[in-house]
Amino acid sequence: MRLSGACRLTQSKRDNSSVARSDRNSASAIVVEGLRVRRGKADVLRGLTVSVPRGQVVGLLGPSGSGKTTLLRCVVGVQKVAAGSVTVLGQPAGSAPLRRRVGYVTQASSVYDDLTVRENLRYFARVLGAPASDVDRVIDETGLGDQAAQLTGSLSGGQRNRVSLAAALLGAPELLVLDEPTVGLDPVLRSELWGLFHRLAHAGTSLFVSSHVMDEAARCDRLMLLRDGEVIADDTPEGLLQSTGAPDAEAAFLSVIRQREAKR
């Protein structure tokens, strides 16, 4: 069957659109399109369209209540959405093939208090089908060697968060989704963890990291600033400072807010 000129043009546009979408998915660890989440009668996320590049540390920054955790929950497929789509590593968010390809750390530690650190990690390694040798690797990477034999319930909040992070690193996932992973950590441990994040990214892992601590912005390869359910900036730290003329991320964030409010 022959196509008329108009039909060929329409088909060509559709093909080009499909190719562009395919290219975007292959270059991105996460692709969010028109994402809308409602809580009651209020929009928590308001039609977000963003992407997270592969092999980079992308920071999701914003004040409490801006929608950061909701967006991360959408990425891992545990959040009910009203509209839009989320594609993760080329698959719909939350689909079965992603279970061993994505590591997720929530704000609240998700480990067993009545098991030691090592017992927790051995358990999660079996659940994930990760090699037994991974347990020692992630203990070393997260600096938990001195606590490996302690009951997890006896640890501080920051140490428990590190156990959750260690569990997420089991099996070497392609994507790490981390919700406030450095909360409760001292400056030395925070610095060490950010060093780990960048080593993982250098090795090809993609990281999507939320934080409300603006001084962590400079540690990211790319930044998304979220406010009231909308991404108000998506740029490199250097690009954000240059475009706003601000001396630091916090001042840049405030500058972007003022610019948006002035346009309304």
C-alpha atoms as a PDB file:
ATOM      1  CA  MET A   1       0.000   0.000   0.000  1.00  0.00           C
ATOM      2  CA  ARG A   2       1.310   3.423  -0.974  1.00  0.00           C
ATOM      3  CA  LEU A   3       1.196   6.385   1.343  1.00  0.00           C
ATOM      4  CA  SER A   4       0.115   9.808   0.132  1.00  0.00           C
ATOM      5  CA  GLY A   5       2.496  12.736   0.651  1.00  0.00           C
ATOM      6  CA  ALA A   6       0.562  13.922   3.706  1.00  0.00           C
ATOM      7  CA  CYS A   7       0.460  10.413   5.148  1.00  0.00           C
ATOM      8  CA  ARG A   8       4.171   9.925   4.485  1.00  0.00           C
ATOM      9  CA  LEU A   9       4.907  13.230   6.250  1.00  0.00           C
ATOM     10  CA  THR A  10       2.766  12.242   9.219  1.00  0.00           C
ATOM     11  CA  GLN A  11       4.401   8.829   9.341  1.00  0.00           C
ATOM     12  CA  SER A  12       7.851  10.452   9.093  1.00  0.00           C
ATOM     13  CA  LYS A  13       7.054  12.746  12.027  1.00  0.00           C
ATOM     14  CA  ARG A  14       5.886   9.772  14.065  1.00  0.00           C
ATOM     15  CA  ASP A  15       9.027   7.812  13.173  1.00  0.00           C
ATOM     16  CA  ASN A  16      11.252  10.771  14.055  1.00  0.00           C
ATOM     17  CA  SER A  17       9.416  11.208  17.333  1.00  0.00           C
ATOM     18  CA  SER A  18       9.892   7.517  18.128  1.00  0.00           C
ATOM     19  CA  VAL A  19      13.594   7.717  17.281  1.00  0.00           C
ATOM     20  CA  ALA A  20      14.030  10.828  19.434  1.00  0.00           C
ATOM     21  CA  ARG A  21      12.241   9.124  22.333  1.00  0.00           C
ATOM     22  CA  SER A  22      14.383   6.011  21.890  1.00  0.00           C
ATOM     23  CA  ASP A  23      17.596   8.094  21.824  1.00  0.00           C
ATOM     24  CA  ARG A  24      16.512   9.961  24.944  1.00  0.00           C
ATOM     25  CA  ASN A  25      15.751   6.719  26.774  1.00  0.00           C
ATOM     26  CA  SER A  26      19.098   5.172  25.822  1.00  0.00           C
ATOM     27  CA  ALA A  27      21.043   8.250  27.019  1.00  0.00           C
ATOM     28  CA  SER A  28      19.056   8.609  30.232  1.00  0.00           C
ATOM     29  CA  ALA A  29      18.767   6.433  33.300  1.00  0.00           C
ATOM     30  CA  ILE A  30      15.403   8.035  34.109  1.00  0.00           C
ATOM     31  CA  VAL A  31      12.902   9.758  31.823  1.00  0.00           C
ATOM     32  CA  VAL A  32       9.899  11.473  33.407  1.00  0.00           C
ATOM     33  CA  GLU A  33       7.183  12.839  31.122  1.00  0.00           C
ATOM     34  CA  GLY A  34       4.145  14.846  32.214  1.00  0.00           C
ATOM     35  CA  LEU A  35       4.219  13.338  35.697  1.00  0.00           C
ATOM     36  CA  ARG A  36       1.379  14.404  37.941  1.00  0.00           C
ATOM     37  CA  VAL A  37       0.739  13.154  41.471  1.00  0.00           C
ATOM     38  CA  ARG A  38      -2.189  14.247  43.587  1.00  0.00           C
ATOM     39  CA  ARG A  39      -2.720  13.970  47.334  1.00  0.00           C
ATOM     40  CA  GLY A  40      -6.338  14.614  48.099  1.00  0.00           C
ATOM     41  CA  LYS A  41      -7.281  17.651  46.018  1.00  0.00           C
ATOM     42  CA  ALA A  42      -3.755  19.077  45.871  1.00  0.00           C
ATOM     43  CA  ASP A  43      -1.098  18.453  43.226  1.00  0.00           C
ATOM     44  CA  VAL A  44       2.146  17.211  44.775  1.00  0.00           C
ATOM     45  CA  LEU A  45       3.918  16.978  41.415  1.00  0.00           C
ATOM     46  CA  ARG A  46       2.642  19.222  38.633  1.00  0.00           C
ATOM     47  CA  GLY A  47       3.271  17.712  35.228  1.00  0.00           C
ATOM     48  CA  LEU A  48       7.037  17.164  35.579  1.00  0.00           C
ATOM     49  CA  THR A  49       9.114  16.408  32.497  1.00  0.00           C
ATOM     50  CA  VAL A  50      12.778  15.752  33.340  1.00  0.00           C
ATOM     51  CA  SER A  51      15.522  13.233  32.634  1.00  0.00           C
ATOM     52  CA  VAL A  52      18.481  11.897  34.599  1.00  0.00           C
ATOM     53  CA  PRO A  53      21.602  11.133  32.506  1.00  0.00           C
ATOM     54  CA  ARG A  54      23.349   7.806  32.836  1.00  0.00           C
ATOM     55  CA  GLY A  55      26.609   7.573  34.760  1.00  0.00           C
ATOM     56  CA  GLN A  56      26.235  10.828  36.686  1.00  0.00           C
ATOM     57  CA  VAL A  57      25.422  11.966  40.214  1.00  0.00           C
ATOM     58  CA  VAL A  58      22.259  14.033  39.845  1.00  0.00           C
ATOM     59  CA  GLY A  59      21.105  15.956  42.882  1.00  0.00           C
ATOM     60  CA  LEU A  60      17.441  16.624  43.602  1.00  0.00           C
ATOM     61  CA  LEU A  61      17.420  19.618  45.935  1.00  0.00           C
ATOM     62  CA  GLY A  62      14.609  21.529  47.524  1.00  0.00           C
ATOM     63  CA  PRO A  63      12.972  22.382  50.842  1.00  0.00           C
ATOM     64  CA  SER A  64      10.952  19.891  52.850  1.00  0.00           C
ATOM     65  CA  GLY A  65       7.534  19.379  51.290  1.00  0.00           C
ATOM     66  CA  SER A  66       8.667  20.251  47.766  1.00  0.00           C
ATOM     67  CA  GLY A  67       7.906  16.762  46.411  1.00  0.00           C
ATOM     68  CA  LYS A  68      11.385  15.181  46.423  1.00  0.00           C
ATOM     69  CA  THR A  69      10.422  11.934  48.139  1.00  0.00           C
ATOM     70  CA  THR A  70       7.272  11.637  46.037  1.00  0.00           C
ATOM     71  CA  LEU A  71       9.321  11.922  42.837  1.00  0.00           C
ATOM     72  CA  LEU A  72      11.790   9.281  44.049  1.00  0.00           C
ATOM     73  CA  ARG A  73       8.905   6.967  44.927  1.00  0.00           C
ATOM     74  CA  CYS A  74       7.610   7.408  41.384  1.00  0.00           C
ATOM     75  CA  VAL A  75      11.024   6.448  40.013  1.00  0.00           C
ATOM     76  CA  VAL A  76      11.081   3.180  41.948  1.00  0.00           C
ATOM     77  CA  GLY A  77       7.449   2.474  41.073  1.00  0.00           C
ATOM     78  CA  VAL A  78       5.794   2.550  44.510  1.00  0.00           C
ATOM     79  CA  GLN A  79       3.850   5.803  44.105  1.00  0.00           C
ATOM     80  CA  LYS A  80       0.381   6.055  42.585  1.00  0.00           C
ATOM     81  CA  VAL A  81       0.391   8.652  39.797  1.00  0.00           C
ATOM     82  CA  ALA A  82      -2.489  10.620  38.332  1.00  0.00           C
ATOM     83  CA  ALA A  83      -0.932  11.165  34.904  1.00  0.00           C
ATOM     84  CA  GLY A  84       2.311  10.886  32.954  1.00  0.00           C
ATOM     85  CA  SER A  85       4.994   8.233  32.724  1.00  0.00           C
ATOM     86  CA  VAL A  86       8.319   7.283  34.291  1.00  0.00           C
ATOM     87  CA  THR A  87      10.809   5.159  32.362  1.00  0.00           C
ATOM     88  CA  VAL A  88      13.775   3.691  34.227  1.00  0.00           C
ATOM     89  CA  LEU A  89      16.681   2.054  32.367  1.00  0.00           C
ATOM     90  CA  GLY A  90      14.377   1.649  29.378  1.00  0.00           C
ATOM     91  CA  GLN A  91      11.599  -0.058  31.379  1.00  0.00           C
ATOM     92  CA  PRO A  92       8.408   1.236  33.007  1.00  0.00           C
ATOM     93  CA  ALA A  93       9.133   2.255  36.598  1.00  0.00           C
ATOM     94  CA  GLY A  94       8.459  -0.541  39.069  1.00  0.00           C
ATOM     95  CA  SER A  95       8.473  -3.342  36.505  1.00  0.00           C
ATOM     96  CA  ALA A  96       9.856  -6.741  37.517  1.00  0.00           C
ATOM     97  CA  PRO A  97      13.037  -6.592  35.383  1.00  0.00           C
ATOM     98  CA  LEU A  98      14.185  -3.535  37.394  1.00  0.00           C
ATOM     99  CA  ARG A  99      14.131  -5.172  40.815  1.00  0.00           C
ATOM    100  CA  ARG A 100      17.788  -6.166  40.722  1.00  0.00           C
ATOM    101  CA  ARG A 101      18.916  -3.225  38.578  1.00  0.00           C
ATOM    102  CA  VAL A 102      17.784  -0.431  40.917  1.00  0.00           C
ATOM    103  CA  GLY A 103      18.897   0.194  44.511  1.00  0.00           C
ATOM    104  CA  TYR A 104      16.672   2.371  46.699  1.00  0.00           C
ATOM    105  CA  VAL A 105      17.443   3.953  50.073  1.00  0.00           C
ATOM    106  CA  THR A 106      14.541   5.607  51.904  1.00  0.00           C
ATOM    107  CA  GLN A 107      14.848   8.339  54.525  1.00  0.00           C
ATOM    108  CA  ALA A 108      13.892   5.846  57.237  1.00  0.00           C
ATOM    109  CA  SER A 109      16.343   2.971  57.556  1.00  0.00           C
ATOM    110  CA  SER A 110      14.874  -0.311  56.283  1.00  0.00           C
ATOM    111  CA  VAL A 111      16.927  -2.926  58.128  1.00  0.00           C
ATOM    112  CA  TYR A 112      16.268  -5.391  60.953  1.00  0.00           C
ATOM    113  CA  ASP A 113      17.162  -4.172  64.441  1.00  0.00           C
ATOM    114  CA  ASP A 114      17.533  -7.691  65.900  1.00  0.00           C
ATOM    115  CA  LEU A 115      20.193  -8.719  63.359  1.00  0.00           C
ATOM    116  CA  THR A 116      23.806  -7.613  63.235  1.00  0.00           C
ATOM    117  CA  VAL A 117      24.995  -5.449  60.363  1.00  0.00           C
ATOM    118  CA  ARG A 118      26.607  -8.456  58.679  1.00  0.00           C
ATOM    119  CA  GLU A 119      23.537 -10.666  59.221  1.00  0.00           C
ATOM    120  CA  ASN A 120      21.315  -7.984  57.668  1.00  0.00           C
ATOM    121  CA  LEU A 121      23.531  -7.751  54.621  1.00  0.00           C
ATOM    122  CA  ARG A 122      23.802 -11.536  54.235  1.00  0.00           C
ATOM    123  CA  TYR A 123      20.024 -11.730  54.319  1.00  0.00           C
ATOM    124  CA  PHE A 124      19.521  -9.019  51.719  1.00  0.00           C
ATOM    125  CA  ALA A 125      22.260 -10.540  49.535  1.00  0.00           C
ATOM    126  CA  ARG A 126      20.336 -13.835  49.462  1.00  0.00           C
ATOM    127  CA  VAL A 127      17.071 -12.051  48.668  1.00  0.00           C
ATOM    128  CA  LEU A 128      18.706 -10.143  45.798  1.00  0.00           C
ATOM    129  CA  GLY A 129      20.733 -13.082  44.535  1.00  0.00           C
ATOM    130  CA  ALA A 130      23.941 -11.103  45.060  1.00  0.00           C
ATOM    131  CA  PRO A 131      27.221 -12.986  45.575  1.00  0.00           C
ATOM    132  CA  ALA A 132      28.239 -13.637  49.175  1.00  0.00           C
ATOM    133  CA  SER A 133      31.460 -11.693  48.590  1.00  0.00           C
ATOM    134  CA  ASP A 134      29.375  -8.548  48.117  1.00  0.00           C
ATOM    135  CA  VAL A 135      28.747  -8.340  51.859  1.00  0.00           C
ATOM    136  CA  ASP A 136      32.380  -7.604  52.685  1.00  0.00           C
ATOM    137  CA  ARG A 137      32.623  -5.218  49.721  1.00  0.00           C
ATOM    138  CA  VAL A 138      29.684  -3.029  50.767  1.00  0.00           C
ATOM    139  CA  ILE A 139      30.741  -3.062  54.433  1.00  0.00           C
ATOM    140  CA  ASP A 140      34.093  -1.691  53.353  1.00  0.00           C
ATOM    141  CA  GLU A 141      32.600   0.861  50.944  1.00  0.00           C
ATOM    142  CA  THR A 142      30.283   2.297  53.585  1.00  0.00           C
ATOM    143  CA  GLY A 143      32.837   2.290  56.413  1.00  0.00           C
ATOM    144  CA  LEU A 144      30.929  -0.174  58.602  1.00  0.00           C
ATOM    145  CA  GLY A 145      33.811  -2.516  59.407  1.00  0.00           C
ATOM    146  CA  ASP A 146      33.872  -1.614  63.107  1.00  0.00           C
ATOM    147  CA  GLN A 147      30.103  -2.107  63.418  1.00  0.00           C
ATOM    148  CA  ALA A 148      29.750  -5.296  61.339  1.00  0.00           C
ATOM    149  CA  ALA A 149      29.201  -7.538  64.383  1.00  0.00           C
ATOM    150  CA  GLN A 150      26.911  -5.113  66.261  1.00  0.00           C
ATOM    151  CA  LEU A 151      23.146  -5.399  66.429  1.00  0.00           C
ATOM    152  CA  THR A 152      21.705  -2.863  64.030  1.00  0.00           C
ATOM    153  CA  GLY A 153      19.267  -1.659  66.699  1.00  0.00           C
ATOM    154  CA  SER A 154      22.197  -0.501  68.827  1.00  0.00           C
ATOM    155  CA  LEU A 155      23.571   1.809  66.138  1.00  0.00           C
ATOM    156  CA  SER A 156      23.076   5.547  65.777  1.00  0.00           C
ATOM    157  CA  GLY A 157      20.652   6.895  63.200  1.00  0.00           C
ATOM    158  CA  GLY A 158      23.464   7.812  60.819  1.00  0.00           C
ATOM    159  CA  GLN A 159      25.024   4.357  61.132  1.00  0.00           C
ATOM    160  CA  ARG A 160      21.668   2.677  60.465  1.00  0.00           C
ATOM    161  CA  ASN A 161      21.304   4.793  57.341  1.00  0.00           C
ATOM    162  CA  ARG A 162      24.688   3.530  56.196  1.00  0.00           C
ATOM    163  CA  VAL A 163      23.503  -0.064  56.676  1.00  0.00           C
ATOM    164  CA  SER A 164      20.536   0.712  54.410  1.00  0.00           C
ATOM    165  CA  LEU A 165      22.917   2.183  51.847  1.00  0.00           C
ATOM    166  CA  ALA A 166      25.156  -0.880  52.069  1.00  0.00           C
ATOM    167  CA  ALA A 167      22.132  -3.100  51.385  1.00  0.00           C
ATOM    168  CA  ALA A 168      21.235  -0.983  48.341  1.00  0.00           C
ATOM    169  CA  LEU A 169      24.772  -1.448  46.967  1.00  0.00           C
ATOM    170  CA  LEU A 170      24.492  -5.247  47.003  1.00  0.00           C
ATOM    171  CA  GLY A 171      24.516  -6.728  43.515  1.00  0.00           C
ATOM    172  CA  ALA A 172      26.024  -3.581  41.976  1.00  0.00           C
ATOM    173  CA  PRO A 173      22.770  -1.975  40.724  1.00  0.00           C
ATOM    174  CA  GLU A 174      22.861   0.182  37.592  1.00  0.00           C
ATOM    175  CA  LEU A 175      20.819   2.937  39.256  1.00  0.00           C
ATOM    176  CA  LEU A 176      20.855   4.121  42.863  1.00  0.00           C
ATOM    177  CA  VAL A 177      17.923   6.197  44.123  1.00  0.00           C
ATOM    178  CA  LEU A 178      18.924   7.757  47.436  1.00  0.00           C
ATOM    179  CA  ASP A 179      16.556   9.792  49.600  1.00  0.00           C
ATOM    180  CA  GLU A 180      18.555  12.056  51.943  1.00  0.00           C
ATOM    181  CA  PRO A 181      21.391   9.495  52.339  1.00  0.00           C
ATOM    182  CA  THR A 182      23.715  11.767  54.342  1.00  0.00           C
ATOM    183  CA  VAL A 183      21.241  12.871  57.032  1.00  0.00           C
ATOM    184  CA  GLY A 184      22.713  12.361  60.487  1.00  0.00           C
ATOM    185  CA  LEU A 185      26.281  11.839  59.265  1.00  0.00           C
ATOM    186  CA  ASP A 186      29.263  13.848  60.450  1.00  0.00           C
ATOM    187  CA  PRO A 187      31.175  15.931  57.876  1.00  0.00           C
ATOM    188  CA  VAL A 188      33.931  13.328  57.449  1.00  0.00           C
ATOM    189  CA  LEU A 189      31.495  10.500  56.687  1.00  0.00           C
ATOM    190  CA  ARG A 190      29.457  12.755  54.391  1.00  0.00           C
ATOM    191  CA  SER A 191      32.606  13.555  52.434  1.00  0.00           C
ATOM    192  CA  GLU A 192      33.550   9.874  52.239  1.00  0.00           C
ATOM    193  CA  LEU A 193      30.101   8.888  50.990  1.00  0.00           C
ATOM    194  CA  TRP A 194      30.121  11.560  48.299  1.00  0.00           C
ATOM    195  CA  GLY A 195      33.511  10.234  47.243  1.00  0.00           C
ATOM    196  CA  LEU A 196      31.923   6.769  46.990  1.00  0.00           C
ATOM    197  CA  PHE A 197      29.023   8.152  44.939  1.00  0.00           C
ATOM    198  CA  HIS A 198      31.426   9.639  42.414  1.00  0.00           C
ATOM    199  CA  ARG A 199      33.510   6.456  42.209  1.00  0.00           C
ATOM    200  CA  LEU A 200      30.331   4.536  41.471  1.00  0.00           C
ATOM    201  CA  ALA A 201      29.328   7.061  38.799  1.00  0.00           C
ATOM    202  CA  HIS A 202      32.804   6.881  37.245  1.00  0.00           C
ATOM    203  CA  ALA A 203      32.323   3.109  37.002  1.00  0.00           C
ATOM    204  CA  GLY A 204      29.000   3.602  35.179  1.00  0.00           C
ATOM    205  CA  THR A 205      26.383   3.638  37.939  1.00  0.00           C
ATOM    206  CA  SER A 206      23.713   6.347  37.744  1.00  0.00           C
ATOM    207  CA  LEU A 207      22.757   8.091  40.996  1.00  0.00           C
ATOM    208  CA  PHE A 208      19.695  10.194  41.776  1.00  0.00           C
ATOM    209  CA  VAL A 209      20.230  11.749  45.211  1.00  0.00           C
ATOM    210  CA  SER A 210      17.806  13.956  47.120  1.00  0.00           C
ATOM    211  CA  SER A 211      18.882  16.470  49.729  1.00  0.00           C
ATOM    212  CA  HIS A 212      17.664  19.640  51.412  1.00  0.00           C
ATOM    213  CA  VAL A 213      21.252  20.592  52.315  1.00  0.00           C
ATOM    214  CA  MET A 214      22.274  23.186  49.775  1.00  0.00           C
ATOM    215  CA  ASP A 215      26.011  22.869  50.391  1.00  0.00           C
ATOM    216  CA  GLU A 216      25.832  19.374  48.895  1.00  0.00           C
ATOM    217  CA  ALA A 217      24.832  20.870  45.548  1.00  0.00           C
ATOM    218  CA  ALA A 218      28.433  21.486  44.505  1.00  0.00           C
ATOM    219  CA  ARG A 219      29.152  17.756  44.908  1.00  0.00           C
ATOM    220  CA  CYS A 220      26.692  16.820  42.138  1.00  0.00           C
ATOM    221  CA  ASP A 221      27.346  16.544  38.411  1.00  0.00           C
ATOM    222  CA  ARG A 222      23.909  17.981  37.735  1.00  0.00           C
ATOM    223  CA  LEU A 223      21.220  19.664  39.830  1.00  0.00           C
ATOM    224  CA  MET A 224      17.450  19.729  39.772  1.00  0.00           C
ATOM    225  CA  LEU A 225      15.876  22.329  42.039  1.00  0.00           C
ATOM    226  CA  LEU A 226      12.347  21.370  43.092  1.00  0.00           C
ATOM    227  CA  ARG A 227       9.817  23.736  44.647  1.00  0.00           C
ATOM    228  CA  ASP A 228       6.090  23.203  45.186  1.00  0.00           C
ATOM    229  CA  GLY A 229       6.052  20.171  42.904  1.00  0.00           C
ATOM    230  CA  GLU A 230       7.808  21.863  39.979  1.00  0.00           C
ATOM    231  CA  VAL A 231      11.390  21.690  38.727  1.00  0.00           C
ATOM    232  CA  ILE A 232      12.459  25.330  38.648  1.00  0.00           C
ATOM    233  CA  ALA A 233      16.044  24.701  37.523  1.00  0.00           C
ATOM    234  CA  ASP A 234      17.885  21.823  35.842  1.00  0.00           C
ATOM    235  CA  ASP A 235      21.559  22.536  35.196  1.00  0.00           C
ATOM    236  CA  THR A 236      25.118  21.801  36.244  1.00  0.00           C
ATOM    237  CA  PRO A 237      26.239  23.507  39.475  1.00  0.00           C
ATOM    238  CA  GLU A 238      28.541  25.742  37.439  1.00  0.00           C
ATOM    239  CA  GLY A 239      25.808  26.580  34.937  1.00  0.00           C
ATOM    240  CA  LEU A 240      23.343  27.426  37.704  1.00  0.00           C
ATOM    241  CA  LEU A 241      25.760  29.808  39.410  1.00  0.00           C
ATOM    242  CA  GLN A 242      26.684  31.415  36.111  1.00  0.00           C
ATOM    243  CA  SER A 243      23.080  31.931  34.992  1.00  0.00           C
ATOM    244  CA  THR A 244      22.027  33.475  38.309  1.00  0.00           C
ATOM    245  CA  GLY A 245      25.261  35.270  39.213  1.00  0.00           C
ATOM    246  CA  ALA A 246      24.941  33.786  42.704  1.00  0.00           C
ATOM    247  CA  PRO A 247      27.938  32.849  44.886  1.00  0.00           C
ATOM    248  CA  ASP A 248      26.515  29.501  46.039  1.00  0.00           C
ATOM    249  CA  ALA A 249      23.657  27.056  45.494  1.00  0.00           C
ATOM    250  CA  GLU A 250      21.434  28.466  48.235  1.00  0.00           C
ATOM    251  CA  ALA A 251      21.687  31.980  46.811  1.00  0.00           C
ATOM    252  CA  ALA A 252      21.090  30.586  43.302  1.00  0.00           C
ATOM    253  CA  PHE A 253      17.981  28.761  44.508  1.00  0.00           C
ATOM    254  CA  LEU A 254      16.607  31.976  46.030  1.00  0.00           C
ATOM    255  CA  SER A 255      17.488  33.888  42.862  1.00  0.00           C
ATOM    256  CA  VAL A 256      15.571  31.438  40.672  1.00  0.00           C
ATOM    257  CA  ILE A 257      12.545  31.710  42.980  1.00  0.00           C
ATOM    258  CA  ARG A 258      12.598  35.522  42.825  1.00  0.00           C
ATOM    259  CA  GLN A 259      12.913  35.457  39.025  1.00  0.00           C
ATOM    260  CA  ARG A 260       9.914  33.146  38.723  1.00  0.00           C
ATOM    261  CA  GLU A 261       7.813  35.201  41.105  1.00  0.00           C
ATOM    262  CA  ALA A 262       8.700  38.407  39.228  1.00  0.00           C
ATOM    263  CA  LYS A 263       7.333  36.901  35.995  1.00  0.00           C
ATOM    264  CA  ARG A 264       3.969  36.071  37.538  1.00  0.00           C
END
